[in-house]
Amino acid sequence: LDGSICTVLLTGARSGYLASFIIREAASNAHIRLVGTTRSPVTASPSLVTLRYDTADEISAAAATLLHLRPATLIHAAALSSPASCERDEGAAAAANCPAGLIDAIERAEAAAAAEASSPPWTVRLVYVSTDQVYPGDVSANDEAAALPPPLNAYGRSKLAFEALLAKRRGRSAGG
């Protein structure tokens, strides 16, 4: 590293299991400025911001937040991760685990940054953490994805749906 500080935005920072490990690791790296997100309103804080992206107004506000922070990386670790909860309310699972509004906010922020002639180019690297539950229980994760039957539960289906959305909207494969 050249000594500069890299801003990383982390969804699911307040209650996520995975996020707790990311927070711990980032705290030990002086080159990372970690900003967590929560869906609940918070008082002004340099390390925690509200980021909602369910409605058009929330997407606009999220885009403004992204544009202001200009994170180098956004780690999307927020999820409705209880398979039982996902089965009880597949709509809630789809909304939480396949957030098209988050992609909308990122794309709007990147477009706004590109329109600013006085700013250096900026795009955010989106890191998405999926699950082994996108695969049926009897198939190895190393098998060809095209040959796989669908996931066995709502949690896996919702996570796989976001992988497909990312591949379509961000132009990258789920694995890279």
Protein backbone atom coordinates (compact mmCIF):
# COMPACT_ATOMS: atom_id res chain seq x y z
CA LEU A 1 0.00 0.00 0.00
CA ASP A 2 1.05 3.57 -0.63
CA GLY A 3 -0.03 4.75 2.84
CA SER A 4 -3.43 5.99 1.71
CA ILE A 5 -6.59 5.03 3.52
CA CYS A 6 -9.19 2.95 1.71
CA THR A 7 -12.85 3.40 2.63
CA VAL A 8 -14.81 0.16 2.87
CA LEU A 9 -18.58 0.18 3.33
CA LEU A 10 -20.03 -2.85 5.11
CA THR A 11 -23.73 -3.74 5.06
CA GLY A 12 -25.03 -5.77 7.98
CA ALA A 13 -22.51 -4.19 10.34
CA ARG A 14 -24.75 -3.99 13.39
CA SER A 15 -25.98 -7.53 13.67
CA GLY A 16 -24.36 -9.72 11.07
CA TYR A 17 -22.35 -12.75 12.06
CA LEU A 18 -19.96 -12.41 9.13
CA ALA A 19 -19.73 -8.65 9.62
CA SER A 20 -18.38 -9.13 13.14
CA PHE A 21 -15.32 -10.88 11.70
CA ILE A 22 -14.84 -8.24 9.01
CA ILE A 23 -15.06 -5.47 11.61
CA ARG A 24 -12.44 -7.17 13.77
CA GLU A 25 -10.05 -7.61 10.85
CA ALA A 26 -10.53 -4.07 9.55
CA ALA A 27 -9.85 -2.63 12.99
CA SER A 28 -6.36 -4.12 12.87
CA ASN A 29 -5.54 -2.47 9.52
CA ALA A 30 -4.58 1.21 9.65
CA HIS A 31 -5.14 1.52 5.89
CA ILE A 32 -8.85 0.72 6.09
CA ARG A 33 -11.56 3.14 7.11
CA LEU A 34 -14.53 0.86 7.71
CA VAL A 35 -17.98 2.42 7.62
CA GLY A 36 -20.80 0.13 8.64
CA THR A 37 -24.37 0.45 7.49
CA THR A 38 -27.61 -0.16 9.28
CA ARG A 39 -31.19 -0.04 8.08
CA SER A 40 -32.22 1.72 11.30
CA PRO A 41 -31.82 5.47 11.72
CA VAL A 42 -28.63 6.40 13.58
CA THR A 43 -27.22 9.63 14.88
CA ALA A 44 -24.36 11.09 12.88
CA SER A 45 -21.32 8.87 13.15
CA PRO A 46 -18.17 8.59 11.04
CA SER A 47 -18.24 4.79 11.36
CA LEU A 48 -21.96 3.98 10.95
CA VAL A 49 -24.50 5.29 8.43
CA THR A 50 -28.11 4.49 7.62
CA LEU A 51 -28.45 2.86 4.23
CA ARG A 52 -31.89 1.76 3.02
CA TYR A 53 -32.73 0.94 -0.59
CA ASP A 54 -36.30 -0.36 -0.74
CA THR A 55 -38.11 2.68 -2.20
CA ALA A 56 -37.20 5.25 -4.84
CA ASP A 57 -36.53 7.89 -2.17
CA GLU A 58 -34.35 5.50 -0.18
CA ILE A 59 -32.41 4.54 -3.31
CA SER A 60 -31.75 8.23 -4.03
CA ALA A 61 -30.60 8.80 -0.45
CA ALA A 62 -28.40 5.69 -0.57
CA ALA A 63 -26.85 6.89 -3.84
CA ALA A 64 -26.08 10.26 -2.23
CA THR A 65 -24.47 8.51 0.74
CA LEU A 66 -22.37 6.35 -1.57
CA LEU A 67 -21.34 9.36 -3.63
CA HIS A 68 -20.36 11.24 -0.47
CA LEU A 69 -18.34 8.36 1.00
CA ARG A 70 -16.99 7.02 -2.33
CA PRO A 71 -15.97 3.68 -0.87
CA ALA A 72 -13.41 1.70 -2.81
CA THR A 73 -15.25 -1.46 -1.77
CA LEU A 74 -18.74 -2.26 -0.58
CA ILE A 75 -19.00 -5.59 1.21
CA HIS A 76 -22.61 -6.71 1.15
CA ALA A 77 -22.87 -8.98 4.18
CA ALA A 78 -26.42 -8.08 5.24
CA ALA A 79 -28.88 -10.92 4.86
CA LEU A 80 -31.92 -12.63 6.24
CA SER A 81 -29.87 -15.71 6.97
CA SER A 82 -32.15 -17.97 8.98
CA PRO A 83 -33.34 -20.68 6.59
CA ALA A 84 -36.47 -21.16 8.73
CA SER A 85 -37.31 -17.45 8.56
CA CYS A 86 -36.74 -17.47 4.81
CA GLU A 87 -39.09 -20.43 4.40
CA ARG A 88 -41.79 -18.73 6.51
CA ASP A 89 -41.61 -15.51 4.45
CA GLU A 90 -40.01 -16.05 1.06
CA GLY A 91 -40.93 -12.49 0.03
CA ALA A 92 -38.94 -11.06 2.94
CA ALA A 93 -36.06 -13.37 2.08
CA ALA A 94 -36.08 -12.17 -1.53
CA ALA A 95 -36.21 -8.51 -0.46
CA ALA A 96 -33.37 -8.88 2.03
CA ASN A 97 -31.13 -11.25 0.10
CA CYS A 98 -31.63 -9.99 -3.45
CA PRO A 99 -31.62 -6.19 -2.99
CA ALA A 100 -31.94 -4.76 -6.50
CA GLY A 101 -32.27 -1.34 -4.88
CA LEU A 102 -28.70 -1.59 -3.63
CA ILE A 103 -27.49 -2.10 -7.20
CA ASP A 104 -29.68 0.83 -8.31
CA ALA A 105 -28.08 3.07 -5.66
CA ILE A 106 -24.56 2.00 -6.65
CA GLU A 107 -25.24 2.61 -10.33
CA ARG A 108 -26.75 6.05 -9.64
CA ALA A 109 -23.80 7.06 -7.47
CA GLU A 110 -21.29 5.89 -10.07
CA ALA A 111 -23.18 7.76 -12.82
CA ALA A 112 -23.23 10.93 -10.72
CA ALA A 113 -19.51 10.61 -10.07
CA ALA A 114 -18.84 10.15 -13.79
CA ALA A 115 -20.80 13.34 -14.52
CA GLU A 116 -18.60 15.38 -12.18
CA ALA A 117 -15.89 16.75 -14.46
CA SER A 118 -13.74 17.88 -11.54
CA SER A 119 -13.67 14.49 -9.81
CA PRO A 120 -11.40 11.55 -10.50
CA PRO A 121 -13.17 8.48 -11.91
CA TRP A 122 -14.82 6.34 -9.24
CA THR A 123 -16.54 2.99 -9.19
CA VAL A 124 -17.12 0.76 -6.22
CA ARG A 125 -16.03 -2.86 -6.06
CA LEU A 126 -18.97 -4.84 -4.73
CA VAL A 127 -18.11 -7.92 -2.71
CA TYR A 128 -21.06 -10.20 -2.14
CA VAL A 129 -20.99 -13.13 0.21
CA SER A 130 -23.30 -15.91 -0.89
CA THR A 131 -23.82 -19.32 0.69
CA ASP A 132 -23.25 -22.98 0.05
CA GLN A 133 -27.04 -23.32 0.31
CA VAL A 134 -27.36 -22.20 -3.31
CA TYR A 135 -26.36 -25.81 -4.06
CA PRO A 136 -28.54 -28.79 -3.31
CA GLY A 137 -27.29 -30.86 -0.39
CA ASP A 138 -26.25 -33.80 -2.53
CA VAL A 139 -24.11 -31.93 -5.07
CA SER A 140 -20.57 -30.65 -4.65
CA ALA A 141 -20.01 -26.90 -4.98
CA ASN A 142 -17.30 -27.77 -7.49
CA ASP A 143 -19.77 -29.21 -10.01
CA GLU A 144 -20.63 -27.14 -13.07
CA ALA A 145 -23.19 -24.52 -12.02
CA ALA A 146 -25.17 -24.91 -15.25
CA ALA A 147 -25.79 -28.57 -14.47
CA LEU A 148 -27.00 -28.01 -10.93
CA PRO A 149 -30.60 -28.43 -9.86
CA PRO A 150 -32.13 -25.48 -8.02
CA PRO A 151 -31.38 -24.78 -4.34
CA LEU A 152 -33.44 -26.73 -1.84
CA ASN A 153 -34.60 -23.81 0.31
CA ALA A 154 -35.79 -20.20 0.16
CA TYR A 155 -32.52 -18.89 1.64
CA GLY A 156 -30.48 -20.52 -1.13
CA ARG A 157 -32.92 -19.38 -3.81
CA SER A 158 -32.79 -15.77 -2.64
CA LYS A 159 -28.99 -15.74 -2.49
CA LEU A 160 -28.71 -17.37 -5.91
CA ALA A 161 -31.11 -14.77 -7.31
CA PHE A 162 -28.75 -12.01 -6.19
CA GLU A 163 -25.79 -13.81 -7.77
CA ALA A 164 -27.71 -13.82 -11.07
CA LEU A 165 -28.68 -10.15 -10.66
CA LEU A 166 -25.06 -9.19 -10.01
CA ALA A 167 -23.89 -11.07 -13.08
CA LYS A 168 -26.50 -9.28 -15.19
CA ARG A 169 -26.26 -5.76 -13.75
CA ARG A 170 -22.61 -5.50 -12.76
CA GLY A 171 -21.24 -7.53 -15.67
CA ARG A 172 -19.24 -9.91 -13.52
CA SER A 173 -19.60 -13.57 -12.79
CA ALA A 174 -20.69 -14.64 -9.33
CA GLY A 175 -17.24 -16.08 -8.74
CA GLY A 176 -15.25 -13.09 -9.94
